[in-house]
Amino acid sequence: MKFYITIEGLPKLKRAFLNLKLYSIVSVPEILEELGYTYSTIDEYGTFIVNQRITNMIDNYIKSKRIRGIIYSNPNLNKDIVENLFSELENLDKISDLVLLDDKYVPKLEEYYDLFEEIIFFPSVKKVRLIEASAILRLPVFPLTKK
């Protein structure tokens, strides 16, 4: 099962991909809203609670036999979050690859390209299946890359 990481929200994912029902989506803004936090009001305790909620969601999703992957959506993605995700996911045997989702023509996540073995771009013209989206395969450069 692949784990996709992006800063784009659910509306863009729905506009870009046809088969999202085969993927579970972890939307950090939705989790924050459910727990009564915002990016500006969250404290250390709130961060812990949100991280636990995300970890529990991922653990539940990887047990599912019907899904093909998990999409992690966080508009405030940064290097610390990416490193934390890598360390959390490296012990999960069901997660085979970590993939970055970005825009091909207006890349927002170029600074993270060297952290991933695979980068998939959002389609620009029509909706496609996620596994059919154009990709760049790279050699592992960063030690946090899942083997």
C-alpha atoms as a PDB file:
ATOM      1  CA  MET A   1       0.000   0.000   0.000  1.00  0.00           C
ATOM      2  CA  LYS A   2       1.309   3.440  -0.906  1.00  0.00           C
ATOM      3  CA  PHE A   3       1.251   6.468   1.348  1.00  0.00           C
ATOM      4  CA  TYR A   4       0.774   9.747  -0.544  1.00  0.00           C
ATOM      5  CA  ILE A   5       1.706  13.124   0.950  1.00  0.00           C
ATOM      6  CA  THR A   6       0.407  16.445  -0.373  1.00  0.00           C
ATOM      7  CA  ILE A   7      -0.449  19.987   0.649  1.00  0.00           C
ATOM      8  CA  GLU A   8      -3.542  20.037  -1.544  1.00  0.00           C
ATOM      9  CA  GLY A   9      -6.979  19.651   0.009  1.00  0.00           C
ATOM     10  CA  LEU A  10      -9.885  17.378  -0.750  1.00  0.00           C
ATOM     11  CA  PRO A  11     -11.455  19.656  -3.418  1.00  0.00           C
ATOM     12  CA  LYS A  12      -8.326  19.507  -5.619  1.00  0.00           C
ATOM     13  CA  LEU A  13      -7.944  15.760  -5.040  1.00  0.00           C
ATOM     14  CA  LYS A  14     -11.563  15.216  -6.117  1.00  0.00           C
ATOM     15  CA  ARG A  15     -11.068  17.352  -9.245  1.00  0.00           C
ATOM     16  CA  ALA A  16      -7.890  15.501 -10.217  1.00  0.00           C
ATOM     17  CA  PHE A  17      -8.503  11.806  -9.529  1.00  0.00           C
ATOM     18  CA  LEU A  18     -11.308   9.416 -10.432  1.00  0.00           C
ATOM     19  CA  ASN A  19     -10.878   6.572  -7.965  1.00  0.00           C
ATOM     20  CA  LEU A  20     -10.576   8.280  -4.588  1.00  0.00           C
ATOM     21  CA  LYS A  21     -13.032   5.825  -3.031  1.00  0.00           C
ATOM     22  CA  LEU A  22     -10.172   3.290  -3.135  1.00  0.00           C
ATOM     23  CA  TYR A  23      -8.012   5.577  -0.972  1.00  0.00           C
ATOM     24  CA  SER A  24      -8.382   6.766   2.598  1.00  0.00           C
ATOM     25  CA  ILE A  25      -7.666  10.435   3.158  1.00  0.00           C
ATOM     26  CA  VAL A  26      -6.127  11.880   6.299  1.00  0.00           C
ATOM     27  CA  SER A  27      -7.005  15.575   6.129  1.00  0.00           C
ATOM     28  CA  VAL A  28      -5.198  17.514   8.855  1.00  0.00           C
ATOM     29  CA  PRO A  29      -7.437  20.627   8.577  1.00  0.00           C
ATOM     30  CA  GLU A  30     -10.528  18.444   9.079  1.00  0.00           C
ATOM     31  CA  ILE A  31      -8.954  16.743  12.108  1.00  0.00           C
ATOM     32  CA  LEU A  32      -8.043  20.126  13.600  1.00  0.00           C
ATOM     33  CA  GLU A  33     -11.595  21.356  13.046  1.00  0.00           C
ATOM     34  CA  GLU A  34     -13.121  18.218  14.616  1.00  0.00           C
ATOM     35  CA  LEU A  35     -10.967  18.691  17.711  1.00  0.00           C
ATOM     36  CA  GLY A  36     -11.651  22.440  17.948  1.00  0.00           C
ATOM     37  CA  TYR A  37      -8.196  23.694  16.948  1.00  0.00           C
ATOM     38  CA  THR A  38      -6.772  25.868  14.206  1.00  0.00           C
ATOM     39  CA  TYR A  39      -3.182  26.116  13.025  1.00  0.00           C
ATOM     40  CA  SER A  40      -2.814  29.371  14.949  1.00  0.00           C
ATOM     41  CA  THR A  41      -4.467  28.220  18.213  1.00  0.00           C
ATOM     42  CA  ILE A  42      -3.004  24.740  18.640  1.00  0.00           C
ATOM     43  CA  ASP A  43      -0.733  24.212  21.643  1.00  0.00           C
ATOM     44  CA  GLU A  44       1.684  21.428  22.582  1.00  0.00           C
ATOM     45  CA  TYR A  45      -1.053  19.264  24.119  1.00  0.00           C
ATOM     46  CA  GLY A  46      -3.282  19.806  21.079  1.00  0.00           C
ATOM     47  CA  THR A  47      -0.417  18.801  18.792  1.00  0.00           C
ATOM     48  CA  PHE A  48      -0.041  15.569  20.740  1.00  0.00           C
ATOM     49  CA  ILE A  49      -3.790  14.835  20.486  1.00  0.00           C
ATOM     50  CA  VAL A  50      -3.834  15.562  16.737  1.00  0.00           C
ATOM     51  CA  ASN A  51      -0.755  13.364  16.163  1.00  0.00           C
ATOM     52  CA  GLN A  52      -2.394  10.518  18.119  1.00  0.00           C
ATOM     53  CA  ARG A  53      -5.571  10.896  16.040  1.00  0.00           C
ATOM     54  CA  ILE A  54      -3.561  10.772  12.794  1.00  0.00           C
ATOM     55  CA  THR A  55      -1.589   7.726  13.968  1.00  0.00           C
ATOM     56  CA  ASN A  56      -4.800   5.920  14.977  1.00  0.00           C
ATOM     57  CA  MET A  57      -6.426   6.732  11.620  1.00  0.00           C
ATOM     58  CA  ILE A  58      -3.413   5.394   9.719  1.00  0.00           C
ATOM     59  CA  ASP A  59      -3.359   2.229  11.852  1.00  0.00           C
ATOM     60  CA  ASN A  60      -7.062   1.657  11.114  1.00  0.00           C
ATOM     61  CA  TYR A  61      -6.704   2.382   7.396  1.00  0.00           C
ATOM     62  CA  ILE A  62      -3.837  -0.054   6.856  1.00  0.00           C
ATOM     63  CA  LYS A  63      -6.021  -2.858   8.263  1.00  0.00           C
ATOM     64  CA  SER A  64      -8.583  -2.313   5.502  1.00  0.00           C
ATOM     65  CA  LYS A  65      -8.564  -4.792   2.643  1.00  0.00           C
ATOM     66  CA  ARG A  66     -10.488  -2.552   0.250  1.00  0.00           C
ATOM     67  CA  ILE A  67      -8.206   0.474   0.044  1.00  0.00           C
ATOM     68  CA  ARG A  68      -5.129   0.809  -2.154  1.00  0.00           C
ATOM     69  CA  GLY A  69      -3.437   3.643  -0.329  1.00  0.00           C
ATOM     70  CA  ILE A  70      -3.600   6.502   2.125  1.00  0.00           C
ATOM     71  CA  ILE A  71      -3.446  10.177   1.186  1.00  0.00           C
ATOM     72  CA  TYR A  72      -2.108  12.548   3.863  1.00  0.00           C
ATOM     73  CA  SER A  73      -3.195  16.127   3.188  1.00  0.00           C
ATOM     74  CA  ASN A  74      -1.657  18.976   5.184  1.00  0.00           C
ATOM     75  CA  PRO A  75      -1.473  22.520   3.768  1.00  0.00           C
ATOM     76  CA  ASN A  76       1.150  23.426   6.393  1.00  0.00           C
ATOM     77  CA  LEU A  77       3.538  20.658   5.417  1.00  0.00           C
ATOM     78  CA  ASN A  78       7.145  21.252   6.448  1.00  0.00           C
ATOM     79  CA  LYS A  79      10.345  19.248   6.760  1.00  0.00           C
ATOM     80  CA  ASP A  80       9.710  18.354  10.429  1.00  0.00           C
ATOM     81  CA  ILE A  81       6.284  16.932   9.578  1.00  0.00           C
ATOM     82  CA  VAL A  82       7.722  14.928   6.680  1.00  0.00           C
ATOM     83  CA  GLU A  83      10.501  13.530   8.880  1.00  0.00           C
ATOM     84  CA  ASN A  84       7.962  12.654  11.580  1.00  0.00           C
ATOM     85  CA  LEU A  85       5.801  10.840   9.023  1.00  0.00           C
ATOM     86  CA  PHE A  86       8.813   8.896   7.736  1.00  0.00           C
ATOM     87  CA  SER A  87       9.742   7.772  11.251  1.00  0.00           C
ATOM     88  CA  GLU A  88       6.142   6.810  12.114  1.00  0.00           C
ATOM     89  CA  LEU A  89       5.631   4.863   8.894  1.00  0.00           C
ATOM     90  CA  GLU A  90       8.952   3.016   8.691  1.00  0.00           C
ATOM     91  CA  ASN A  91       7.708   0.400  11.183  1.00  0.00           C
ATOM     92  CA  LEU A  92       4.494  -0.322   9.277  1.00  0.00           C
ATOM     93  CA  ASP A  93       5.039  -3.293   6.974  1.00  0.00           C
ATOM     94  CA  LYS A  94       1.888  -2.655   4.931  1.00  0.00           C
ATOM     95  CA  ILE A  95       3.179   0.734   3.758  1.00  0.00           C
ATOM     96  CA  SER A  96       5.364  -0.098   0.770  1.00  0.00           C
ATOM     97  CA  ASP A  97       6.156   3.345  -0.657  1.00  0.00           C
ATOM     98  CA  LEU A  98       5.990   6.983   0.340  1.00  0.00           C
ATOM     99  CA  VAL A  99       4.947   9.176  -2.579  1.00  0.00           C
ATOM    100  CA  LEU A 100       4.816  12.955  -2.886  1.00  0.00           C
ATOM    101  CA  LEU A 101       1.851  14.478  -4.776  1.00  0.00           C
ATOM    102  CA  ASP A 102       2.578  17.857  -6.367  1.00  0.00           C
ATOM    103  CA  ASP A 103       1.540  20.129  -9.208  1.00  0.00           C
ATOM    104  CA  LYS A 104       3.685  19.666 -12.310  1.00  0.00           C
ATOM    105  CA  TYR A 105       3.423  23.168 -13.752  1.00  0.00           C
ATOM    106  CA  VAL A 106       3.277  25.146 -10.498  1.00  0.00           C
ATOM    107  CA  PRO A 107       5.288  22.977  -8.098  1.00  0.00           C
ATOM    108  CA  LYS A 108       4.798  23.878  -4.457  1.00  0.00           C
ATOM    109  CA  LEU A 109       6.822  21.059  -2.911  1.00  0.00           C
ATOM    110  CA  GLU A 110      10.052  21.087  -4.943  1.00  0.00           C
ATOM    111  CA  GLU A 111      12.151  21.418  -1.797  1.00  0.00           C
ATOM    112  CA  TYR A 112      10.955  17.940  -0.735  1.00  0.00           C
ATOM    113  CA  TYR A 113      11.613  16.117  -4.029  1.00  0.00           C
ATOM    114  CA  ASP A 114      14.957  14.741  -2.860  1.00  0.00           C
ATOM    115  CA  LEU A 115      13.268  13.123   0.175  1.00  0.00           C
ATOM    116  CA  PHE A 116      11.084  10.806  -1.921  1.00  0.00           C
ATOM    117  CA  GLU A 117      11.730   7.945  -4.314  1.00  0.00           C
ATOM    118  CA  GLU A 118       8.559   8.738  -6.256  1.00  0.00           C
ATOM    119  CA  ILE A 119       6.776  11.992  -7.055  1.00  0.00           C
ATOM    120  CA  ILE A 120       3.372  11.992  -8.735  1.00  0.00           C
ATOM    121  CA  PHE A 121       1.927  15.062 -10.417  1.00  0.00           C
ATOM    122  CA  PHE A 122      -1.682  16.172 -10.441  1.00  0.00           C
ATOM    123  CA  PRO A 123      -3.170  15.831 -13.940  1.00  0.00           C
ATOM    124  CA  SER A 124      -3.631  19.143 -15.702  1.00  0.00           C
ATOM    125  CA  VAL A 125      -6.306  18.384 -18.293  1.00  0.00           C
ATOM    126  CA  LYS A 126      -8.649  15.621 -17.189  1.00  0.00           C
ATOM    127  CA  LYS A 127      -9.323  13.410 -14.220  1.00  0.00           C
ATOM    128  CA  VAL A 128      -7.288  10.200 -14.093  1.00  0.00           C
ATOM    129  CA  ARG A 129      -6.896   7.297 -11.736  1.00  0.00           C
ATOM    130  CA  LEU A 130      -4.232   7.953  -9.135  1.00  0.00           C
ATOM    131  CA  ILE A 131      -2.108   5.026 -10.327  1.00  0.00           C
ATOM    132  CA  GLU A 132      -2.201   6.464 -13.886  1.00  0.00           C
ATOM    133  CA  ALA A 133      -0.895   9.925 -12.947  1.00  0.00           C
ATOM    134  CA  SER A 134       2.480  10.917 -14.377  1.00  0.00           C
ATOM    135  CA  ALA A 135       5.354  10.216 -12.015  1.00  0.00           C
ATOM    136  CA  ILE A 136       9.050  10.837 -11.540  1.00  0.00           C
ATOM    137  CA  LEU A 137      11.037   8.001 -10.064  1.00  0.00           C
ATOM    138  CA  ARG A 138      14.197   9.034  -8.258  1.00  0.00           C
ATOM    139  CA  LEU A 139      17.023   7.205  -6.595  1.00  0.00           C
ATOM    140  CA  PRO A 140      16.913   7.415  -2.804  1.00  0.00           C
ATOM    141  CA  VAL A 141      18.939  10.378  -1.638  1.00  0.00           C
ATOM    142  CA  PHE A 142      17.698  11.054   1.855  1.00  0.00           C
ATOM    143  CA  PRO A 143      18.161   8.490   4.653  1.00  0.00           C
ATOM    144  CA  LEU A 144      14.545   8.818   5.792  1.00  0.00           C
ATOM    145  CA  THR A 145      13.241   7.204   2.603  1.00  0.00           C
ATOM    146  CA  LYS A 146      11.272   4.042   3.329  1.00  0.00           C
ATOM    147  CA  LYS A 147      13.045   0.898   2.126  1.00  0.00           C
END
